[in-house]
């Protein structure tokens, strides 16, 4: 048995590049649900480690052929038909074992399998991800809601505004905000609008005080909004005991920040609800409140302080 027959088959050298490539793919898939910056990081990791992996696997293919001293050939002194390639001084030298091993078939098959597998995997994965992930990023724009005439929001008083975000779905889409007219600050109207979702785990909070259900009224045409006056001394979560003051600051319990707020606008003498945003804390009160405003975050996530470093990626809602 020749040495060539007993030689072990070629296998790719051990490497950490496949692990890095897998981490990159995981970041891409996670980022499609979590955040586009994570997709960018995953793409960079996948490209870099994928390139290094392919370079390792194809090392032997890319190596130059073994050096062979040029053959000294003699011009035939006789004329006539050329001798066969395997006979005479002009015959082609037989290939050596080193030359045959320079381009082994196993290496070519490994590279071809990886390339074909990547193409097939992409053709299968991309459409599946499109159908599974893209719907989460469509229709994410928050709805503008007409809360009612300004006369329904007396200065210094709280009004509970409740509406269906999607009336075709019904009660499961109900949203509630607490609205207070702060009067004017430098000739500009000021309203405090607090979202009723606890920033601990998202449970609905309740006003601490009196709710005048007998004075409830419904306003709006296309989208109906229920307005209920209330005497509020603070807010509380009945689920886990979170407590907030009238500016939404946490005063007790497990919440990690102040209550989320909403922007507002005034159009044709009516108050409109705008986009929601998260709040770290609020200094002062009413129209003179100084709000530490951040992009809207899910419950349980810190938005300021050292703890916020643990939540660098914003999750879509």
C-alpha atoms as a PDB file:
ATOM      1  CA  UNK A   1       0.000   0.000   0.000  1.00  0.00           C
ATOM      2  CA  UNK A   2       1.475   3.365  -1.001  1.00  0.00           C
ATOM      3  CA  UNK A   3       1.946   6.284   1.331  1.00  0.00           C
ATOM      4  CA  UNK A   4      -0.641   8.204  -0.655  1.00  0.00           C
ATOM      5  CA  UNK A   5      -3.299   5.626   0.155  1.00  0.00           C
ATOM      6  CA  UNK A   6      -2.571   5.675   3.897  1.00  0.00           C
ATOM      7  CA  UNK A   7      -2.578   9.440   4.194  1.00  0.00           C
ATOM      8  CA  UNK A   8      -5.502  10.674   6.357  1.00  0.00           C
ATOM      9  CA  UNK A   9      -8.235  12.585   4.515  1.00  0.00           C
ATOM     10  CA  UNK A  10      -8.080  16.353   4.409  1.00  0.00           C
ATOM     11  CA  UNK A  11     -10.190  18.121   7.031  1.00  0.00           C
ATOM     12  CA  UNK A  12     -10.448  21.865   7.719  1.00  0.00           C
ATOM     13  CA  UNK A  13      -8.222  23.000  10.588  1.00  0.00           C
ATOM     14  CA  UNK A  14      -9.915  23.729  13.951  1.00  0.00           C
ATOM     15  CA  UNK A  15     -10.994  27.347  14.164  1.00  0.00           C
ATOM     16  CA  UNK A  16     -13.121  29.803  16.152  1.00  0.00           C
ATOM     17  CA  UNK A  17     -14.292  31.575  12.994  1.00  0.00           C
ATOM     18  CA  UNK A  18     -17.498  29.471  12.665  1.00  0.00           C
ATOM     19  CA  UNK A  19     -18.430  30.447  16.223  1.00  0.00           C
ATOM     20  CA  UNK A  20     -17.966  34.137  15.442  1.00  0.00           C
ATOM     21  CA  UNK A  21     -19.966  33.722  12.229  1.00  0.00           C
ATOM     22  CA  UNK A  22     -22.800  32.055  14.179  1.00  0.00           C
ATOM     23  CA  UNK A  23     -22.784  34.894  16.717  1.00  0.00           C
ATOM     24  CA  UNK A  24     -23.054  37.397  13.885  1.00  0.00           C
ATOM     25  CA  UNK A  25     -26.053  35.573  12.387  1.00  0.00           C
ATOM     26  CA  UNK A  26     -27.680  35.448  15.845  1.00  0.00           C
ATOM     27  CA  UNK A  27     -27.170  39.226  16.219  1.00  0.00           C
ATOM     28  CA  UNK A  28     -28.772  39.817  12.828  1.00  0.00           C
ATOM     29  CA  UNK A  29     -31.823  37.708  13.647  1.00  0.00           C
ATOM     30  CA  UNK A  30     -32.167  39.320  17.077  1.00  0.00           C
ATOM     31  CA  UNK A  31     -31.647  42.791  15.659  1.00  0.00           C
ATOM     32  CA  UNK A  32     -34.468  42.336  13.149  1.00  0.00           C
ATOM     33  CA  UNK A  33     -36.797  42.138  16.125  1.00  0.00           C
ATOM     34  CA  UNK A  34     -34.951  44.411  18.540  1.00  0.00           C
ATOM     35  CA  UNK A  35     -33.034  47.206  16.830  1.00  0.00           C
ATOM     36  CA  UNK A  36     -31.384  48.074  13.516  1.00  0.00           C
ATOM     37  CA  UNK A  37     -28.005  48.879  15.169  1.00  0.00           C
ATOM     38  CA  UNK A  38     -27.889  45.255  16.312  1.00  0.00           C
ATOM     39  CA  UNK A  39     -28.448  44.191  12.695  1.00  0.00           C
ATOM     40  CA  UNK A  40     -25.514  46.341  11.622  1.00  0.00           C
ATOM     41  CA  UNK A  41     -23.250  44.843  14.302  1.00  0.00           C
ATOM     42  CA  UNK A  42     -24.338  41.312  13.380  1.00  0.00           C
ATOM     43  CA  UNK A  43     -23.709  41.967   9.691  1.00  0.00           C
ATOM     44  CA  UNK A  44     -20.182  43.170  10.389  1.00  0.00           C
ATOM     45  CA  UNK A  45     -19.456  40.130  12.583  1.00  0.00           C
ATOM     46  CA  UNK A  46     -20.906  37.701  10.034  1.00  0.00           C
ATOM     47  CA  UNK A  47     -18.958  39.224   7.131  1.00  0.00           C
ATOM     48  CA  UNK A  48     -15.642  39.395   8.989  1.00  0.00           C
ATOM     49  CA  UNK A  49     -15.788  35.947  10.565  1.00  0.00           C
ATOM     50  CA  UNK A  50     -17.291  34.418   7.428  1.00  0.00           C
ATOM     51  CA  UNK A  51     -14.379  35.764   5.386  1.00  0.00           C
ATOM     52  CA  UNK A  52     -11.843  34.431   7.888  1.00  0.00           C
ATOM     53  CA  UNK A  53     -13.594  31.062   7.952  1.00  0.00           C
ATOM     54  CA  UNK A  54     -13.574  30.750   4.157  1.00  0.00           C
ATOM     55  CA  UNK A  55      -9.934  31.810   4.067  1.00  0.00           C
ATOM     56  CA  UNK A  56      -9.033  29.036   6.523  1.00  0.00           C
ATOM     57  CA  UNK A  57     -10.967  26.389   4.627  1.00  0.00           C
ATOM     58  CA  UNK A  58      -9.453  27.341   1.269  1.00  0.00           C
ATOM     59  CA  UNK A  59      -5.885  27.757   2.489  1.00  0.00           C
ATOM     60  CA  UNK A  60      -4.569  24.719   0.641  1.00  0.00           C
ATOM     61  CA  UNK A  61      -6.376  25.702  -2.542  1.00  0.00           C
ATOM     62  CA  UNK A  62      -4.796  29.138  -2.515  1.00  0.00           C
ATOM     63  CA  UNK A  63      -1.250  27.894  -1.813  1.00  0.00           C
ATOM     64  CA  UNK A  64       1.107  28.092  -4.802  1.00  0.00           C
ATOM     65  CA  UNK A  65       2.021  24.868  -6.546  1.00  0.00           C
ATOM     66  CA  UNK A  66       5.265  23.198  -5.363  1.00  0.00           C
ATOM     67  CA  UNK A  67       8.389  24.479  -7.035  1.00  0.00           C
ATOM     68  CA  UNK A  68       9.747  22.145  -9.682  1.00  0.00           C
ATOM     69  CA  UNK A  69      13.088  22.762 -11.330  1.00  0.00           C
ATOM     70  CA  UNK A  70      12.662  23.491 -14.989  1.00  0.00           C
ATOM     71  CA  UNK A  71      13.363  20.503 -17.161  1.00  0.00           C
ATOM     72  CA  UNK A  72      16.308  20.653 -19.490  1.00  0.00           C
ATOM     73  CA  UNK A  73      15.081  19.636 -22.862  1.00  0.00           C
ATOM     74  CA  UNK A  74      17.175  18.654 -25.869  1.00  0.00           C
ATOM     75  CA  UNK A  75      16.162  19.424 -29.358  1.00  0.00           C
ATOM     76  CA  UNK A  76      15.724  16.259 -31.344  1.00  0.00           C
ATOM     77  CA  UNK A  77      18.484  15.814 -33.847  1.00  0.00           C
ATOM     78  CA  UNK A  78      16.371  13.755 -36.145  1.00  0.00           C
ATOM     79  CA  UNK A  79      13.503  14.911 -38.150  1.00  0.00           C
ATOM     80  CA  UNK A  80      10.222  13.194 -38.550  1.00  0.00           C
ATOM     81  CA  UNK A  81       7.155  12.610 -36.500  1.00  0.00           C
ATOM     82  CA  UNK A  82       7.130  13.926 -32.957  1.00  0.00           C
ATOM     83  CA  UNK A  83       7.564  11.260 -30.275  1.00  0.00           C
ATOM     84  CA  UNK A  84       4.665  10.498 -27.967  1.00  0.00           C
ATOM     85  CA  UNK A  85       4.310  12.604 -24.852  1.00  0.00           C
ATOM     86  CA  UNK A  86       5.375   9.754 -22.615  1.00  0.00           C
ATOM     87  CA  UNK A  87       8.456   8.670 -24.519  1.00  0.00           C
ATOM     88  CA  UNK A  88      11.834  10.130 -25.335  1.00  0.00           C
ATOM     89  CA  UNK A  89      13.789  13.021 -23.903  1.00  0.00           C
ATOM     90  CA  UNK A  90      10.945  15.409 -24.734  1.00  0.00           C
ATOM     91  CA  UNK A  91       8.390  13.401 -22.726  1.00  0.00           C
ATOM     92  CA  UNK A  92       6.293  15.232 -20.093  1.00  0.00           C
ATOM     93  CA  UNK A  93       7.629  14.561 -16.589  1.00  0.00           C
ATOM     94  CA  UNK A  94       5.244  12.507 -14.461  1.00  0.00           C
ATOM     95  CA  UNK A  95       3.344  14.474 -11.778  1.00  0.00           C
ATOM     96  CA  UNK A  96       4.632  14.070  -8.272  1.00  0.00           C
ATOM     97  CA  UNK A  97       2.601  13.283  -5.166  1.00  0.00           C
ATOM     98  CA  UNK A  98       3.159  16.837  -3.898  1.00  0.00           C
ATOM     99  CA  UNK A  99       1.675  18.236  -7.105  1.00  0.00           C
ATOM    100  CA  UNK A 100      -1.345  15.960  -6.867  1.00  0.00           C
ATOM    101  CA  UNK A 101      -1.931  16.989  -3.219  1.00  0.00           C
ATOM    102  CA  UNK A 102      -1.711  20.720  -4.015  1.00  0.00           C
ATOM    103  CA  UNK A 103      -5.307  20.753  -5.266  1.00  0.00           C
ATOM    104  CA  UNK A 104      -7.110  17.877  -3.551  1.00  0.00           C
ATOM    105  CA  UNK A 105     -10.657  17.164  -4.595  1.00  0.00           C
ATOM    106  CA  UNK A 106     -11.845  17.152  -0.984  1.00  0.00           C
ATOM    107  CA  UNK A 107     -10.893  20.813  -0.557  1.00  0.00           C
ATOM    108  CA  UNK A 108     -12.759  21.803  -3.687  1.00  0.00           C
ATOM    109  CA  UNK A 109     -15.825  19.854  -2.585  1.00  0.00           C
ATOM    110  CA  UNK A 110     -15.713  21.475   0.876  1.00  0.00           C
ATOM    111  CA  UNK A 111     -15.576  24.978  -0.587  1.00  0.00           C
ATOM    112  CA  UNK A 112     -18.317  24.201  -3.120  1.00  0.00           C
ATOM    113  CA  UNK A 113     -20.546  22.726  -0.413  1.00  0.00           C
ATOM    114  CA  UNK A 114     -20.111  25.780   1.828  1.00  0.00           C
ATOM    115  CA  UNK A 115     -20.875  28.168  -1.013  1.00  0.00           C
ATOM    116  CA  UNK A 116     -23.897  26.240  -2.240  1.00  0.00           C
ATOM    117  CA  UNK A 117     -25.170  25.803   1.332  1.00  0.00           C
ATOM    118  CA  UNK A 118     -24.894  29.549   1.938  1.00  0.00           C
ATOM    119  CA  UNK A 119     -26.846  30.341  -1.238  1.00  0.00           C
ATOM    120  CA  UNK A 120     -29.581  27.813  -0.477  1.00  0.00           C
ATOM    121  CA  UNK A 121     -29.767  28.940   3.161  1.00  0.00           C
ATOM    122  CA  UNK A 122     -30.142  32.565   2.092  1.00  0.00           C
ATOM    123  CA  UNK A 123     -32.855  31.744  -0.442  1.00  0.00           C
ATOM    124  CA  UNK A 124     -34.821  29.910   2.249  1.00  0.00           C
ATOM    125  CA  UNK A 125     -34.132  32.169   5.229  1.00  0.00           C
ATOM    126  CA  UNK A 126     -34.665  35.638   3.739  1.00  0.00           C
ATOM    127  CA  UNK A 127     -38.301  35.099   2.620  1.00  0.00           C
ATOM    128  CA  UNK A 128     -39.161  33.397   5.928  1.00  0.00           C
ATOM    129  CA  UNK A 129     -37.677  36.291   7.917  1.00  0.00           C
ATOM    130  CA  UNK A 130     -39.541  38.744   5.718  1.00  0.00           C
ATOM    131  CA  UNK A 131     -42.923  37.180   6.471  1.00  0.00           C
ATOM    132  CA  UNK A 132     -42.122  36.575  10.159  1.00  0.00           C
ATOM    133  CA  UNK A 133     -40.376  39.812  11.128  1.00  0.00           C
ATOM    134  CA  UNK A 134     -41.493  42.616   8.830  1.00  0.00           C
ATOM    135  CA  UNK A 135     -45.103  42.700  10.137  1.00  0.00           C
ATOM    136  CA  UNK A 136     -43.670  43.712  13.528  1.00  0.00           C
ATOM    137  CA  UNK A 137     -42.280  46.888  11.952  1.00  0.00           C
ATOM    138  CA  UNK A 138     -45.375  47.883   9.990  1.00  0.00           C
ATOM    139  CA  UNK A 139     -48.131  50.010  11.407  1.00  0.00           C
ATOM    140  CA  UNK A 140     -45.966  51.118  14.340  1.00  0.00           C
ATOM    141  CA  UNK A 141     -46.833  54.793  13.995  1.00  0.00           C
ATOM    142  CA  UNK A 142     -48.851  55.945  16.977  1.00  0.00           C
ATOM    143  CA  UNK A 143     -52.355  57.179  16.387  1.00  0.00           C
ATOM    144  CA  UNK A 144     -53.293  60.828  16.835  1.00  0.00           C
ATOM    145  CA  UNK A 145     -56.372  60.986  19.070  1.00  0.00           C
ATOM    146  CA  UNK A 146     -58.780  63.889  19.520  1.00  0.00           C
ATOM    147  CA  UNK A 147     -59.424  64.025  23.277  1.00  0.00           C
ATOM    148  CA  UNK A 148     -62.163  66.656  23.149  1.00  0.00           C
ATOM    149  CA  UNK A 149     -62.867  70.404  23.456  1.00  0.00           C
ATOM    150  CA  UNK A 150     -60.591  72.446  25.711  1.00  0.00           C
ATOM    151  CA  UNK A 151     -63.620  73.383  27.839  1.00  0.00           C
ATOM    152  CA  UNK A 152     -63.754  69.764  29.047  1.00  0.00           C
ATOM    153  CA  UNK A 153     -60.361  70.197  30.734  1.00  0.00           C
ATOM    154  CA  UNK A 154     -60.701  72.868  33.452  1.00  0.00           C
ATOM    155  CA  UNK A 155     -57.462  74.414  34.658  1.00  0.00           C
ATOM    156  CA  UNK A 156     -55.887  72.646  37.629  1.00  0.00           C
ATOM    157  CA  UNK A 157     -58.215  69.624  37.449  1.00  0.00           C
ATOM    158  CA  UNK A 158     -57.601  66.037  36.357  1.00  0.00           C
ATOM    159  CA  UNK A 159     -59.635  64.289  33.669  1.00  0.00           C
ATOM    160  CA  UNK A 160     -59.381  60.579  32.863  1.00  0.00           C
ATOM    161  CA  UNK A 161     -59.515  60.100  29.072  1.00  0.00           C
ATOM    162  CA  UNK A 162     -60.207  56.574  27.817  1.00  0.00           C
ATOM    163  CA  UNK A 163     -60.490  55.432  24.200  1.00  0.00           C
ATOM    164  CA  UNK A 164     -60.144  52.409  21.925  1.00  0.00           C
ATOM    165  CA  UNK A 165     -56.941  52.469  19.905  1.00  0.00           C
ATOM    166  CA  UNK A 166     -58.638  50.103  17.451  1.00  0.00           C
ATOM    167  CA  UNK A 167     -62.405  49.973  17.787  1.00  0.00           C
ATOM    168  CA  UNK A 168     -62.604  46.860  15.584  1.00  0.00           C
ATOM    169  CA  UNK A 169     -60.612  44.926  18.216  1.00  0.00           C
ATOM    170  CA  UNK A 170     -62.572  46.272  21.147  1.00  0.00           C
ATOM    171  CA  UNK A 171     -61.713  46.328  24.841  1.00  0.00           C
ATOM    172  CA  UNK A 172     -58.253  44.803  24.461  1.00  0.00           C
ATOM    173  CA  UNK A 173     -57.128  47.958  22.644  1.00  0.00           C
ATOM    174  CA  UNK A 174     -58.393  50.373  25.305  1.00  0.00           C
ATOM    175  CA  UNK A 175     -55.924  53.106  26.272  1.00  0.00           C
ATOM    176  CA  UNK A 176     -56.236  55.499  29.207  1.00  0.00           C
ATOM    177  CA  UNK A 177     -54.416  58.745  29.955  1.00  0.00           C
ATOM    178  CA  UNK A 178     -54.664  61.199  32.842  1.00  0.00           C
ATOM    179  CA  UNK A 179     -54.915  64.809  31.653  1.00  0.00           C
ATOM    180  CA  UNK A 180     -54.382  67.978  33.696  1.00  0.00           C
ATOM    181  CA  UNK A 181     -54.674  71.513  32.372  1.00  0.00           C
ATOM    182  CA  UNK A 182     -51.728  73.454  33.843  1.00  0.00           C
ATOM    183  CA  UNK A 183     -52.824  76.837  32.518  1.00  0.00           C
ATOM    184  CA  UNK A 184     -50.373  79.007  30.605  1.00  0.00           C
ATOM    185  CA  UNK A 185     -46.627  79.474  30.800  1.00  0.00           C
ATOM    186  CA  UNK A 186     -45.379  82.534  28.935  1.00  0.00           C
ATOM    187  CA  UNK A 187     -48.616  82.660  26.916  1.00  0.00           C
ATOM    188  CA  UNK A 188     -48.243  79.000  25.865  1.00  0.00           C
ATOM    189  CA  UNK A 189     -50.803  76.419  27.015  1.00  0.00           C
ATOM    190  CA  UNK A 190     -49.499  73.577  29.184  1.00  0.00           C
ATOM    191  CA  UNK A 191     -51.012  70.137  29.751  1.00  0.00           C
ATOM    192  CA  UNK A 192     -49.734  67.184  31.715  1.00  0.00           C
ATOM    193  CA  UNK A 193     -50.717  63.876  30.070  1.00  0.00           C
ATOM    194  CA  UNK A 194     -49.674  60.720  31.927  1.00  0.00           C
ATOM    195  CA  UNK A 195     -50.024  57.231  30.469  1.00  0.00           C
ATOM    196  CA  UNK A 196     -51.867  54.762  32.697  1.00  0.00           C
ATOM    197  CA  UNK A 197     -49.360  51.954  32.206  1.00  0.00           C
ATOM    198  CA  UNK A 198     -47.172  51.167  35.218  1.00  0.00           C
ATOM    199  CA  UNK A 199     -43.484  51.286  34.288  1.00  0.00           C
ATOM    200  CA  UNK A 200     -42.755  48.236  36.439  1.00  0.00           C
ATOM    201  CA  UNK A 201     -44.465  45.507  34.402  1.00  0.00           C
ATOM    202  CA  UNK A 202     -47.108  47.416  32.447  1.00  0.00           C
ATOM    203  CA  UNK A 203     -50.149  46.908  34.672  1.00  0.00           C
ATOM    204  CA  UNK A 204     -52.867  49.612  34.545  1.00  0.00           C
ATOM    205  CA  UNK A 205     -52.517  52.165  37.325  1.00  0.00           C
ATOM    206  CA  UNK A 206     -55.406  53.848  39.142  1.00  0.00           C
ATOM    207  CA  UNK A 207     -55.771  57.395  40.465  1.00  0.00           C
ATOM    208  CA  UNK A 208     -55.499  57.760  44.245  1.00  0.00           C
ATOM    209  CA  UNK A 209     -58.512  59.909  44.966  1.00  0.00           C
ATOM    210  CA  UNK A 210     -62.111  60.376  43.921  1.00  0.00           C
ATOM    211  CA  UNK A 211     -63.356  59.448  40.445  1.00  0.00           C
ATOM    212  CA  UNK A 212     -66.626  61.179  39.496  1.00  0.00           C
ATOM    213  CA  UNK A 213     -68.215  58.447  37.403  1.00  0.00           C
ATOM    214  CA  UNK A 214     -71.560  60.231  37.483  1.00  0.00           C
ATOM    215  CA  UNK A 215     -70.015  63.102  35.482  1.00  0.00           C
ATOM    216  CA  UNK A 216     -68.566  60.860  32.758  1.00  0.00           C
ATOM    217  CA  UNK A 217     -69.199  62.023  29.198  1.00  0.00           C
ATOM    218  CA  UNK A 218     -68.400  60.741  25.720  1.00  0.00           C
ATOM    219  CA  UNK A 219     -67.003  63.023  23.036  1.00  0.00           C
ATOM    220  CA  UNK A 220     -65.758  62.569  19.490  1.00  0.00           C
ATOM    221  CA  UNK A 221     -67.294  61.408  16.248  1.00  0.00           C
ATOM    222  CA  UNK A 222     -64.964  59.075  14.352  1.00  0.00           C
ATOM    223  CA  UNK A 223     -63.260  57.938  17.551  1.00  0.00           C
ATOM    224  CA  UNK A 224     -65.180  58.166  20.799  1.00  0.00           C
ATOM    225  CA  UNK A 225     -63.376  59.199  23.980  1.00  0.00           C
ATOM    226  CA  UNK A 226     -64.762  58.869  27.507  1.00  0.00           C
ATOM    227  CA  UNK A 227     -63.867  61.796  29.803  1.00  0.00           C
ATOM    228  CA  UNK A 228     -64.235  61.336  33.566  1.00  0.00           C
ATOM    229  CA  UNK A 229     -63.315  64.115  36.059  1.00  0.00           C
ATOM    230  CA  UNK A 230     -61.231  63.005  39.030  1.00  0.00           C
ATOM    231  CA  UNK A 231     -59.706  64.423  42.197  1.00  0.00           C
ATOM    232  CA  UNK A 232     -56.178  63.000  42.089  1.00  0.00           C
ATOM    233  CA  UNK A 233     -53.658  62.961  44.922  1.00  0.00           C
ATOM    234  CA  UNK A 234     -51.340  60.475  43.216  1.00  0.00           C
ATOM    235  CA  UNK A 235     -51.408  57.209  41.310  1.00  0.00           C
ATOM    236  CA  UNK A 236     -51.014  53.590  42.374  1.00  0.00           C
ATOM    237  CA  UNK A 237     -50.593  50.187  40.768  1.00  0.00           C
ATOM    238  CA  UNK A 238     -52.920  47.553  42.304  1.00  0.00           C
ATOM    239  CA  UNK A 239     -50.741  44.690  41.017  1.00  0.00           C
ATOM    240  CA  UNK A 240     -47.379  45.191  42.734  1.00  0.00           C
ATOM    241  CA  UNK A 241     -47.779  48.307  44.866  1.00  0.00           C
ATOM    242  CA  UNK A 242     -46.024  50.901  42.725  1.00  0.00           C
ATOM    243  CA  UNK A 243     -46.843  54.473  43.766  1.00  0.00           C
ATOM    244  CA  UNK A 244     -46.420  57.771  41.895  1.00  0.00           C
ATOM    245  CA  UNK A 245     -47.017  61.423  42.728  1.00  0.00           C
ATOM    246  CA  UNK A 246     -49.113  63.798  40.623  1.00  0.00           C
ATOM    247  CA  UNK A 247     -46.164  64.470  38.300  1.00  0.00           C
ATOM    248  CA  UNK A 248     -45.645  60.754  37.698  1.00  0.00           C
ATOM    249  CA  UNK A 249     -42.494  60.430  39.811  1.00  0.00           C
ATOM    250  CA  UNK A 250     -42.059  57.093  41.554  1.00  0.00           C
ATOM    251  CA  UNK A 251     -42.579  57.427  45.319  1.00  0.00           C
ATOM    252  CA  UNK A 252     -42.688  53.763  46.385  1.00  0.00           C
ATOM    253  CA  UNK A 253     -42.634  50.206  45.101  1.00  0.00           C
ATOM    254  CA  UNK A 254     -40.738  48.497  42.273  1.00  0.00           C
ATOM    255  CA  UNK A 255     -41.115  50.931  39.303  1.00  0.00           C
ATOM    256  CA  UNK A 256     -37.761  51.952  37.826  1.00  0.00           C
ATOM    257  CA  UNK A 257     -38.647  55.423  36.518  1.00  0.00           C
ATOM    258  CA  UNK A 258     -41.416  58.025  36.281  1.00  0.00           C
ATOM    259  CA  UNK A 259     -44.638  57.393  34.386  1.00  0.00           C
ATOM    260  CA  UNK A 260     -44.561  57.753  30.601  1.00  0.00           C
ATOM    261  CA  UNK A 261     -46.053  60.940  29.193  1.00  0.00           C
ATOM    262  CA  UNK A 262     -47.613  62.030  25.919  1.00  0.00           C
ATOM    263  CA  UNK A 263     -47.130  65.076  23.757  1.00  0.00           C
ATOM    264  CA  UNK A 264     -50.156  67.183  22.863  1.00  0.00           C
ATOM    265  CA  UNK A 265     -51.358  69.703  20.334  1.00  0.00           C
ATOM    266  CA  UNK A 266     -54.331  72.062  20.069  1.00  0.00           C
ATOM    267  CA  UNK A 267     -56.330  72.216  16.851  1.00  0.00           C
ATOM    268  CA  UNK A 268     -59.513  74.202  16.337  1.00  0.00           C
ATOM    269  CA  UNK A 269     -60.138  74.524  20.067  1.00  0.00           C
ATOM    270  CA  UNK A 270     -59.665  70.797  20.756  1.00  0.00           C
ATOM    271  CA  UNK A 271     -56.950  68.884  22.597  1.00  0.00           C
ATOM    272  CA  UNK A 272     -55.141  66.215  20.605  1.00  0.00           C
ATOM    273  CA  UNK A 273     -53.062  63.375  22.020  1.00  0.00           C
ATOM    274  CA  UNK A 274     -49.616  62.996  20.442  1.00  0.00           C
ATOM    275  CA  UNK A 275     -46.744  60.524  20.703  1.00  0.00           C
ATOM    276  CA  UNK A 276     -45.782  58.886  23.979  1.00  0.00           C
ATOM    277  CA  UNK A 277     -42.308  59.176  25.490  1.00  0.00           C
ATOM    278  CA  UNK A 278     -40.540  57.895  28.598  1.00  0.00           C
ATOM    279  CA  UNK A 279     -39.434  60.014  31.540  1.00  0.00           C
ATOM    280  CA  UNK A 280     -36.556  59.575  33.948  1.00  0.00           C
ATOM    281  CA  UNK A 281     -37.828  62.033  36.547  1.00  0.00           C
ATOM    282  CA  UNK A 282     -39.670  65.349  36.831  1.00  0.00           C
ATOM    283  CA  UNK A 283     -38.516  68.395  38.775  1.00  0.00           C
ATOM    284  CA  UNK A 284     -41.022  71.042  39.906  1.00  0.00           C
ATOM    285  CA  UNK A 285     -44.717  70.826  39.036  1.00  0.00           C
ATOM    286  CA  UNK A 286     -47.345  71.854  36.519  1.00  0.00           C
ATOM    287  CA  UNK A 287     -46.373  74.167  33.700  1.00  0.00           C
ATOM    288  CA  UNK A 288     -42.925  74.755  35.249  1.00  0.00           C
ATOM    289  CA  UNK A 289     -42.051  71.068  35.418  1.00  0.00           C
ATOM    290  CA  UNK A 290     -38.615  70.178  34.068  1.00  0.00           C
ATOM    291  CA  UNK A 291     -38.948  66.777  32.448  1.00  0.00           C
ATOM    292  CA  UNK A 292     -36.039  64.437  31.729  1.00  0.00           C
ATOM    293  CA  UNK A 293     -37.409  63.155  28.455  1.00  0.00           C
ATOM    294  CA  UNK A 294     -36.235  60.007  26.622  1.00  0.00           C
ATOM    295  CA  UNK A 295     -37.368  57.829  23.746  1.00  0.00           C
ATOM    296  CA  UNK A 296     -40.249  55.579  24.643  1.00  0.00           C
ATOM    297  CA  UNK A 297     -39.072  52.423  26.453  1.00  0.00           C
ATOM    298  CA  UNK A 298     -40.879  49.305  27.587  1.00  0.00           C
ATOM    299  CA  UNK A 299     -41.783  48.800  31.275  1.00  0.00           C
ATOM    300  CA  UNK A 300     -38.996  47.677  33.578  1.00  0.00           C
ATOM    301  CA  UNK A 301     -36.262  49.421  31.567  1.00  0.00           C
ATOM    302  CA  UNK A 302     -34.137  52.207  33.043  1.00  0.00           C
ATOM    303  CA  UNK A 303     -33.780  55.252  30.830  1.00  0.00           C
ATOM    304  CA  UNK A 304     -31.171  57.204  32.800  1.00  0.00           C
ATOM    305  CA  UNK A 305     -28.354  56.606  35.257  1.00  0.00           C
ATOM    306  CA  UNK A 306     -25.771  53.788  35.148  1.00  0.00           C
ATOM    307  CA  UNK A 307     -28.549  51.184  34.953  1.00  0.00           C
ATOM    308  CA  UNK A 308     -29.506  52.481  31.489  1.00  0.00           C
ATOM    309  CA  UNK A 309     -26.183  51.117  30.164  1.00  0.00           C
ATOM    310  CA  UNK A 310     -27.665  47.643  30.592  1.00  0.00           C
ATOM    311  CA  UNK A 311     -30.435  48.497  28.123  1.00  0.00           C
ATOM    312  CA  UNK A 312     -28.623  49.962  25.083  1.00  0.00           C
ATOM    313  CA  UNK A 313     -31.160  48.632  22.573  1.00  0.00           C
ATOM    314  CA  UNK A 314     -34.695  49.946  22.362  1.00  0.00           C
ATOM    315  CA  UNK A 315     -37.311  47.272  21.772  1.00  0.00           C
ATOM    316  CA  UNK A 316     -40.120  48.165  19.343  1.00  0.00           C
ATOM    317  CA  UNK A 317     -43.580  48.264  20.872  1.00  0.00           C
END
